[in-house]
Amino acid sequence: MKIVGVIPARFGASRFPGKPLFEIAGKPLLQWVIEGARQSRRLQEVLVATDDARIAGLARRCGVEAVMTDSDLPSGTDRIWAAVKSRDVDVVVNVQGDEPLITGEVVDRLADVFLRPWNSVEMATLGHAISTEELGSFNAVKVVVNRQGEALYFSRFPIPYSRHDAESLGSLAGCLKHIGLYAYTKNFLEKFCEAPPALIEKAESLEQLRALDLGARIHVVKVEHSLRGVDTPEDAAALEPILRRIHGS
């Protein structure tokens, strides 16, 4: 089975233009992500899918292939599909380009889902135990899973606590906080990208709901800690001391 990691990275992000090239703790953000992904034991290849020659140049200097894609693609997932659709791969791991704390271990936890001979899931993602603060935040996406660890629904609302809250039930175990890393079979990635956005996807502004609408089985791997992404320059500044502490720089 061939498993590849693809890092979508475009220059013109509306909230933070040039983000992949922004320097944090002595390295461009994208370099941190590439180095983390390359620690994986499961990925046979790491690609950067981009629309910008400067980002492509950085990727090549970091030792990975850059695939040029259309600037007008609507999402990172579409950019990933554009990069792999003509390649002979079985599973694609979407390594978010703004996650400088990504590690090979986390990538491998996703990839391992597809190496289980009894498993027939089409997609995998991550989640961790949720806090009371996260349960109440619309910025924290929640996922409810079944006994097999498969996603039943994702929401920005504090599901499933609509009738009885977590405090009265004495447990936060009704959901996990979702972490937005994904892996897909190539066949399902094609199906996903060719399908129009689902009503529930548009209502919640959560792309992964399109997968559920299509009937996908999504395995949710439970991990101990969340990752911290970079959406703004302030996020980058907050991560700088953490990266320096972890990597001793």
Protein backbone atom coordinates (compact mmCIF):
# COMPACT_ATOMS: atom_id res chain seq x y z
CA MET A 1 0.00 0.00 0.00
CA LYS A 2 1.42 3.38 -0.99
CA ILE A 3 0.74 6.19 1.47
CA VAL A 4 1.72 9.77 0.66
CA GLY A 5 1.50 12.95 2.68
CA VAL A 6 0.45 16.15 0.96
CA ILE A 7 0.88 19.59 2.49
CA PRO A 8 -1.44 22.19 0.89
CA ALA A 9 0.21 25.61 1.04
CA ARG A 10 -0.98 28.68 -0.82
CA PHE A 11 0.49 32.16 -0.59
CA GLY A 12 -2.64 34.29 -0.60
CA ALA A 13 -4.43 33.29 2.61
CA SER A 14 -6.96 36.04 3.34
CA ARG A 15 -6.19 36.33 7.06
CA PHE A 16 -2.42 35.89 6.78
CA PRO A 17 -0.92 36.40 3.29
CA GLY A 18 2.43 34.66 2.83
CA LYS A 19 1.87 32.50 5.91
CA PRO A 20 3.85 29.42 4.73
CA LEU A 21 6.98 31.58 4.40
CA PHE A 22 6.56 33.40 7.73
CA GLU A 23 9.54 32.73 9.98
CA ILE A 24 8.95 31.20 13.41
CA ALA A 25 11.84 30.28 15.72
CA GLY A 26 14.35 30.65 12.92
CA LYS A 27 12.55 28.70 10.19
CA PRO A 28 9.67 29.32 7.77
CA LEU A 29 6.39 27.85 9.00
CA LEU A 30 6.23 25.43 6.08
CA GLN A 31 9.69 24.08 6.88
CA TRP A 32 8.57 23.09 10.37
CA VAL A 33 5.63 21.21 8.84
CA ILE A 34 7.77 19.45 6.24
CA GLU A 35 10.32 18.38 8.83
CA GLY A 36 7.59 17.02 11.09
CA ALA A 37 5.91 15.09 8.26
CA ARG A 38 9.23 13.60 7.13
CA GLN A 39 9.62 11.96 10.53
CA SER A 40 6.78 9.60 9.58
CA ARG A 41 7.60 5.93 9.16
CA ARG A 42 4.49 5.30 7.06
CA LEU A 43 4.72 7.96 4.37
CA GLN A 44 6.55 6.83 1.27
CA GLU A 45 6.54 10.39 -0.04
CA VAL A 46 5.80 13.94 1.08
CA LEU A 47 4.56 16.52 -1.42
CA VAL A 48 3.78 20.21 -1.14
CA ALA A 49 0.77 21.31 -3.21
CA THR A 50 1.05 25.03 -3.86
CA ASP A 51 0.22 27.85 -6.24
CA ASP A 52 3.33 29.93 -5.61
CA ALA A 53 6.89 29.61 -6.94
CA ARG A 54 8.42 30.90 -3.69
CA ILE A 55 6.67 28.20 -1.67
CA ALA A 56 7.64 25.58 -4.25
CA GLY A 57 11.26 26.70 -3.97
CA LEU A 58 11.22 26.35 -0.19
CA ALA A 59 9.72 22.86 -0.48
CA ARG A 60 12.48 21.74 -2.83
CA ARG A 61 15.17 23.19 -0.57
CA CYS A 62 13.66 21.11 2.23
CA GLY A 63 14.01 17.98 0.11
CA VAL A 64 10.42 17.33 -0.98
CA GLU A 65 8.61 17.61 -4.29
CA ALA A 66 6.45 20.64 -5.01
CA VAL A 67 3.37 20.26 -7.22
CA MET A 68 2.00 23.44 -8.77
CA THR A 69 -1.79 23.75 -8.56
CA ASP A 70 -4.39 26.30 -9.61
CA SER A 71 -4.72 29.38 -7.38
CA ASP A 72 -8.51 29.30 -7.81
CA LEU A 73 -9.07 25.90 -6.18
CA PRO A 74 -11.71 26.32 -3.47
CA SER A 75 -10.02 24.43 -0.63
CA GLY A 76 -6.90 22.69 0.57
CA THR A 77 -8.58 19.35 -0.02
CA ASP A 78 -9.15 20.23 -3.69
CA ARG A 79 -5.50 21.28 -3.91
CA ILE A 80 -4.45 17.90 -2.51
CA TRP A 81 -6.62 16.05 -5.03
CA ALA A 82 -5.14 18.09 -7.87
CA ALA A 83 -1.66 17.04 -6.71
CA VAL A 84 -2.34 13.29 -6.47
CA LYS A 85 -5.05 12.47 -8.99
CA SER A 86 -2.60 11.30 -11.65
CA ARG A 87 -0.35 9.45 -9.18
CA ASP A 88 -0.36 5.80 -8.21
CA VAL A 89 -1.24 6.08 -4.51
CA ASP A 90 -3.63 4.26 -2.19
CA VAL A 91 -3.94 6.56 0.83
CA VAL A 92 -3.42 10.31 1.10
CA VAL A 93 -2.67 12.07 4.38
CA ASN A 94 -3.65 15.74 4.46
CA VAL A 95 -0.89 17.39 6.50
CA GLN A 96 -2.12 20.90 7.24
CA GLY A 97 0.44 23.49 6.18
CA ASP A 98 -0.08 25.65 9.28
CA GLU A 99 0.63 23.01 11.96
CA PRO A 100 4.28 23.48 12.99
CA LEU A 101 3.93 21.05 15.91
CA ILE A 102 3.04 18.13 13.64
CA THR A 103 5.10 14.99 14.29
CA GLY A 104 5.70 11.79 12.40
CA GLU A 105 4.02 9.89 15.22
CA VAL A 106 0.75 11.78 14.73
CA VAL A 107 0.87 11.21 10.97
CA ASP A 108 1.50 7.51 11.53
CA ARG A 109 -1.49 7.22 13.86
CA LEU A 110 -3.68 8.31 10.96
CA ALA A 111 -1.94 6.15 8.37
CA ASP A 112 -2.09 3.04 10.57
CA VAL A 113 -5.88 3.05 10.38
CA PHE A 114 -5.64 1.97 6.73
CA LEU A 115 -3.13 -0.82 7.40
CA ARG A 116 -5.54 -2.89 9.49
CA PRO A 117 -6.69 -5.81 7.31
CA TRP A 118 -10.18 -5.88 8.81
CA ASN A 119 -10.75 -2.17 8.36
CA SER A 120 -12.79 -0.72 5.52
CA VAL A 121 -12.93 2.94 6.52
CA GLU A 122 -12.57 5.55 3.80
CA MET A 123 -11.31 8.40 5.92
CA ALA A 124 -9.61 9.02 9.27
CA THR A 125 -9.13 12.04 11.49
CA LEU A 126 -8.09 12.92 15.05
CA GLY A 127 -9.76 13.95 18.29
CA HIS A 128 -8.89 14.39 21.95
CA ALA A 129 -10.73 14.69 25.24
CA ILE A 130 -12.60 17.96 25.38
CA SER A 131 -12.54 20.57 28.15
CA THR A 132 -15.51 22.50 29.52
CA GLU A 133 -14.18 25.67 27.89
CA GLU A 134 -13.78 23.97 24.50
CA LEU A 135 -17.26 22.44 24.72
CA GLY A 136 -18.75 25.93 24.95
CA SER A 137 -16.63 27.49 22.20
CA PHE A 138 -17.89 27.78 18.63
CA ASN A 139 -14.26 27.83 17.52
CA ALA A 140 -13.76 24.29 18.84
CA VAL A 141 -15.30 21.64 16.58
CA LYS A 142 -16.86 18.68 18.37
CA VAL A 143 -17.20 15.13 17.08
CA VAL A 144 -19.49 12.42 18.45
CA VAL A 145 -18.26 8.88 17.80
CA ASN A 146 -19.81 5.43 18.00
CA ARG A 147 -18.43 2.41 19.88
CA GLN A 148 -16.20 1.55 16.92
CA GLY A 149 -14.60 4.99 17.09
CA GLU A 150 -16.31 6.20 13.93
CA ALA A 151 -17.70 9.71 13.56
CA LEU A 152 -21.45 10.15 13.87
CA TYR A 153 -21.51 13.94 13.50
CA PHE A 154 -19.33 17.06 13.74
CA SER A 155 -20.59 20.40 15.00
CA ARG A 156 -19.56 23.77 16.37
CA PHE A 157 -22.37 23.41 18.91
CA PRO A 158 -21.87 21.56 22.23
CA ILE A 159 -23.22 18.24 20.97
CA PRO A 160 -24.67 15.98 22.30
CA TYR A 161 -25.47 18.17 25.31
CA SER A 162 -28.62 19.85 23.97
CA ARG A 163 -31.11 18.49 26.53
CA HIS A 164 -28.86 17.67 29.50
CA ASP A 165 -25.58 19.51 29.90
CA ALA A 166 -22.24 17.95 30.73
CA GLU A 167 -22.30 19.25 34.29
CA SER A 168 -25.63 17.60 35.11
CA LEU A 169 -24.52 14.35 33.49
CA GLY A 170 -21.16 14.48 35.23
CA SER A 171 -19.19 13.67 32.09
CA LEU A 172 -17.55 15.36 29.10
CA ALA A 173 -17.14 12.01 27.34
CA GLY A 174 -20.11 12.56 25.02
CA CYS A 175 -17.83 14.06 22.39
CA LEU A 176 -14.22 14.74 21.49
CA LYS A 177 -12.61 17.95 20.33
CA HIS A 178 -11.86 17.47 16.65
CA ILE A 179 -8.35 18.01 15.28
CA GLY A 180 -8.42 18.89 11.59
CA LEU A 181 -5.92 16.43 10.15
CA TYR A 182 -7.26 13.85 7.71
CA ALA A 183 -6.32 10.78 5.74
CA TYR A 184 -8.39 9.32 2.89
CA THR A 185 -8.31 6.49 0.45
CA LYS A 186 -7.57 7.92 -2.98
CA ASN A 187 -10.91 6.63 -4.28
CA PHE A 188 -12.84 8.42 -1.56
CA LEU A 189 -10.83 11.63 -1.97
CA GLU A 190 -11.88 11.70 -5.62
CA LYS A 191 -15.51 11.07 -4.70
CA PHE A 192 -15.37 13.82 -2.06
CA CYS A 193 -13.84 16.45 -4.34
CA GLU A 194 -16.23 15.71 -7.19
CA ALA A 195 -19.31 16.04 -4.97
CA PRO A 196 -20.97 19.43 -4.40
CA PRO A 197 -20.99 20.85 -0.85
CA ALA A 198 -23.72 19.24 1.27
CA LEU A 199 -26.41 21.26 3.01
CA ILE A 200 -25.15 20.21 6.45
CA GLU A 201 -21.62 21.20 5.40
CA LYS A 202 -22.77 24.67 4.39
CA ALA A 203 -24.91 25.07 7.51
CA GLU A 204 -22.05 24.26 9.91
CA SER A 205 -19.21 25.47 7.64
CA LEU A 206 -17.47 22.13 8.21
CA GLU A 207 -16.09 20.37 5.15
CA GLN A 208 -15.93 16.96 6.83
CA LEU A 209 -19.73 16.85 6.98
CA ARG A 210 -19.73 16.36 3.21
CA ALA A 211 -17.96 13.05 3.83
CA LEU A 212 -20.67 11.92 6.26
CA ASP A 213 -23.35 13.07 3.83
CA LEU A 214 -21.70 10.83 1.21
CA GLY A 215 -21.95 7.88 3.61
CA ALA A 216 -18.27 7.64 4.46
CA ARG A 217 -17.00 5.73 7.47
CA ILE A 218 -14.64 8.13 9.26
CA HIS A 219 -12.43 6.60 11.96
CA VAL A 220 -11.52 9.05 14.73
CA VAL A 221 -8.13 8.34 16.30
CA LYS A 222 -8.04 9.54 19.89
CA VAL A 223 -4.81 11.31 20.84
CA GLU A 224 -3.67 12.82 24.10
CA HIS A 225 -3.06 16.39 23.02
CA SER A 226 -4.27 18.89 20.49
CA LEU A 227 -2.07 20.61 17.92
CA ARG A 228 -1.74 24.37 17.71
CA GLY A 229 -2.13 25.84 14.26
CA VAL A 230 -1.18 29.25 12.92
CA ASP A 231 -4.05 31.42 11.69
CA THR A 232 -2.59 34.84 12.53
CA PRO A 233 0.81 36.46 13.24
CA GLU A 234 -0.20 36.44 16.90
CA ASP A 235 -0.53 32.64 16.79
CA ALA A 236 2.96 32.45 15.29
CA ALA A 237 4.39 34.61 18.08
CA ALA A 238 2.73 32.42 20.73
CA LEU A 239 4.21 29.26 19.19
CA GLU A 240 7.76 30.59 18.91
CA PRO A 241 8.81 29.84 22.52
CA ILE A 242 7.13 26.43 22.35
CA LEU A 243 9.07 25.46 19.22
CA ARG A 244 12.32 26.75 20.70
CA ARG A 245 11.73 24.73 23.87
CA ILE A 246 10.86 21.53 22.01
CA HIS A 247 13.72 21.76 19.56
CA GLY A 248 16.28 23.37 21.83
CA SER A 249 16.88 26.38 19.62
